[in-house]
Amino acid sequence: MRKKKADIIKEAVERLEAIEKSGDTEGGHIEADDILCEVLKALGCKEVVDAFEKLDKWYA
């Protein structure tokens, strides 16, 4: 069963807030990217995620 848009957003916000509280800035940023890509895919924006994933990334 597909999740509702509101549920996808709520879950993403909760996960992002947990990352913020973890204090792991670099690891959190990488994990946040993954969460946002999951949300975009779930909302039908796979092409955007594909383009983003092709970019070189740099985390300090």
N, C-alpha and C. Protein backbone atom coordinates (compact mmCIF):
# COMPACT_ATOMS: atom_id res chain seq x y z
N MET A 1 0.84 -1.18 0.00
CA MET A 1 0.00 0.00 0.00
C MET A 1 0.88 1.25 0.00
N ARG A 2 0.51 2.22 -0.79
CA ARG A 2 1.24 3.48 -0.88
C ARG A 2 0.91 4.37 0.30
N LYS A 3 1.94 5.03 0.82
CA LYS A 3 1.73 5.97 1.92
C LYS A 3 1.08 7.24 1.41
N LYS A 4 0.31 7.88 2.26
CA LYS A 4 -0.28 9.17 1.94
C LYS A 4 0.79 10.24 2.00
N LYS A 5 0.60 11.29 1.21
CA LYS A 5 1.55 12.39 1.16
C LYS A 5 1.81 12.95 2.57
N ALA A 6 0.77 13.15 3.34
CA ALA A 6 0.92 13.71 4.69
C ALA A 6 1.77 12.80 5.57
N ASP A 7 1.61 11.49 5.41
CA ASP A 7 2.40 10.55 6.20
C ASP A 7 3.86 10.56 5.79
N ILE A 8 4.11 10.66 4.49
CA ILE A 8 5.48 10.73 3.98
C ILE A 8 6.17 11.96 4.56
N ILE A 9 5.49 13.08 4.53
CA ILE A 9 6.06 14.33 5.02
C ILE A 9 6.29 14.27 6.52
N LYS A 10 5.31 13.78 7.26
CA LYS A 10 5.43 13.69 8.72
C LYS A 10 6.62 12.82 9.11
N GLU A 11 6.76 11.67 8.47
CA GLU A 11 7.86 10.77 8.78
C GLU A 11 9.21 11.42 8.45
N ALA A 12 9.28 12.11 7.32
CA ALA A 12 10.53 12.77 6.94
C ALA A 12 10.91 13.85 7.95
N VAL A 13 9.94 14.64 8.37
CA VAL A 13 10.21 15.70 9.35
C VAL A 13 10.70 15.09 10.66
N GLU A 14 10.07 14.02 11.10
CA GLU A 14 10.50 13.37 12.34
C GLU A 14 11.94 12.86 12.22
N ARG A 15 12.26 12.24 11.09
CA ARG A 15 13.62 11.73 10.89
C ARG A 15 14.64 12.86 10.83
N LEU A 16 14.29 13.96 10.15
CA LEU A 16 15.19 15.11 10.06
C LEU A 16 15.39 15.76 11.43
N GLU A 17 14.34 15.85 12.21
CA GLU A 17 14.46 16.41 13.56
C GLU A 17 15.35 15.54 14.44
N ALA A 18 15.27 14.24 14.28
CA ALA A 18 16.13 13.32 15.04
C ALA A 18 17.59 13.52 14.64
N ILE A 19 17.84 13.74 13.37
CA ILE A 19 19.21 13.99 12.91
C ILE A 19 19.74 15.27 13.55
N GLU A 20 18.91 16.31 13.57
CA GLU A 20 19.33 17.58 14.17
C GLU A 20 19.74 17.39 15.62
N LYS A 21 18.98 16.59 16.34
CA LYS A 21 19.26 16.36 17.76
C LYS A 21 20.50 15.50 17.98
N SER A 22 20.92 14.75 16.97
CA SER A 22 22.05 13.84 17.12
C SER A 22 23.38 14.57 17.28
N GLY A 23 23.47 15.77 16.72
CA GLY A 23 24.71 16.54 16.80
C GLY A 23 25.77 16.12 15.79
N ASP A 24 25.47 15.17 14.93
CA ASP A 24 26.42 14.71 13.91
C ASP A 24 26.17 15.50 12.63
N THR A 25 26.84 16.63 12.50
CA THR A 25 26.57 17.52 11.38
C THR A 25 26.88 16.87 10.03
N GLU A 26 28.07 16.31 9.88
CA GLU A 26 28.45 15.74 8.58
C GLU A 26 27.62 14.50 8.24
N GLY A 27 27.58 13.55 9.16
CA GLY A 27 26.79 12.34 8.92
C GLY A 27 25.31 12.65 8.77
N GLY A 28 24.85 13.61 9.54
CA GLY A 28 23.46 14.02 9.46
C GLY A 28 23.11 14.61 8.12
N HIS A 29 24.04 15.37 7.56
CA HIS A 29 23.80 15.99 6.25
C HIS A 29 23.67 14.91 5.18
N ILE A 30 24.52 13.92 5.24
CA ILE A 30 24.46 12.82 4.27
C ILE A 30 23.14 12.08 4.42
N GLU A 31 22.75 11.79 5.66
CA GLU A 31 21.50 11.09 5.92
C GLU A 31 20.30 11.93 5.49
N ALA A 32 20.37 13.24 5.72
CA ALA A 32 19.28 14.13 5.32
C ALA A 32 19.11 14.13 3.81
N ASP A 33 20.23 14.12 3.07
CA ASP A 33 20.14 14.02 1.61
C ASP A 33 19.36 12.78 1.21
N ASP A 34 19.67 11.66 1.86
CA ASP A 34 18.99 10.40 1.55
C ASP A 34 17.49 10.49 1.84
N ILE A 35 17.16 11.08 2.96
CA ILE A 35 15.75 11.23 3.34
C ILE A 35 15.01 12.08 2.31
N LEU A 36 15.61 13.20 1.94
CA LEU A 36 14.95 14.08 0.97
C LEU A 36 14.78 13.40 -0.38
N CYS A 37 15.77 12.60 -0.78
CA CYS A 37 15.64 11.86 -2.04
C CYS A 37 14.52 10.83 -1.95
N GLU A 38 14.40 10.16 -0.82
CA GLU A 38 13.31 9.20 -0.62
C GLU A 38 11.95 9.90 -0.75
N VAL A 39 11.84 11.08 -0.13
CA VAL A 39 10.58 11.84 -0.19
C VAL A 39 10.26 12.22 -1.63
N LEU A 40 11.25 12.74 -2.33
CA LEU A 40 11.02 13.13 -3.72
C LEU A 40 10.57 11.94 -4.57
N LYS A 41 11.23 10.81 -4.38
CA LYS A 41 10.84 9.61 -5.14
C LYS A 41 9.41 9.21 -4.80
N ALA A 42 9.06 9.22 -3.51
CA ALA A 42 7.72 8.84 -3.08
C ALA A 42 6.65 9.78 -3.63
N LEU A 43 7.04 11.02 -3.90
CA LEU A 43 6.10 12.01 -4.43
C LEU A 43 6.13 12.07 -5.95
N GLY A 44 6.88 11.13 -6.57
CA GLY A 44 6.87 11.04 -8.02
C GLY A 44 7.92 11.86 -8.74
N CYS A 45 8.97 12.27 -8.04
CA CYS A 45 10.00 13.12 -8.64
C CYS A 45 11.32 12.36 -8.82
N LYS A 46 11.24 11.15 -9.33
CA LYS A 46 12.43 10.31 -9.50
C LYS A 46 13.46 10.97 -10.41
N GLU A 47 13.03 11.68 -11.44
CA GLU A 47 13.96 12.33 -12.36
C GLU A 47 14.83 13.36 -11.65
N VAL A 48 14.24 14.08 -10.71
CA VAL A 48 14.98 15.07 -9.93
C VAL A 48 16.05 14.36 -9.10
N VAL A 49 15.70 13.27 -8.47
CA VAL A 49 16.63 12.50 -7.64
C VAL A 49 17.75 11.94 -8.51
N ASP A 50 17.41 11.40 -9.67
CA ASP A 50 18.42 10.87 -10.57
C ASP A 50 19.44 11.94 -10.94
N ALA A 51 18.98 13.14 -11.25
CA ALA A 51 19.88 14.24 -11.60
C ALA A 51 20.73 14.64 -10.40
N PHE A 52 20.14 14.70 -9.22
CA PHE A 52 20.87 15.06 -8.00
C PHE A 52 21.95 14.03 -7.70
N GLU A 53 21.62 12.76 -7.86
CA GLU A 53 22.58 11.71 -7.54
C GLU A 53 23.78 11.68 -8.48
N LYS A 54 23.66 12.29 -9.64
CA LYS A 54 24.78 12.37 -10.58
C LYS A 54 25.80 13.44 -10.18
N LEU A 55 25.38 14.37 -9.32
CA LEU A 55 26.27 15.46 -8.91
C LEU A 55 27.37 14.95 -7.99
N ASP A 56 28.56 15.53 -8.14
CA ASP A 56 29.62 15.28 -7.16
C ASP A 56 29.21 15.96 -5.87
N LYS A 57 29.48 15.30 -4.77
CA LYS A 57 29.14 15.88 -3.46
C LYS A 57 30.38 15.98 -2.62
N TRP A 58 30.38 16.96 -1.76
CA TRP A 58 31.51 17.17 -0.86
C TRP A 58 30.97 17.53 0.50
N TYR A 59 31.37 16.75 1.47
CA TYR A 59 30.99 17.02 2.86
C TYR A 59 32.27 17.20 3.64
N ALA A 60 32.34 18.26 4.43
CA ALA A 60 33.56 18.56 5.18
C ALA A 60 33.75 17.61 6.35
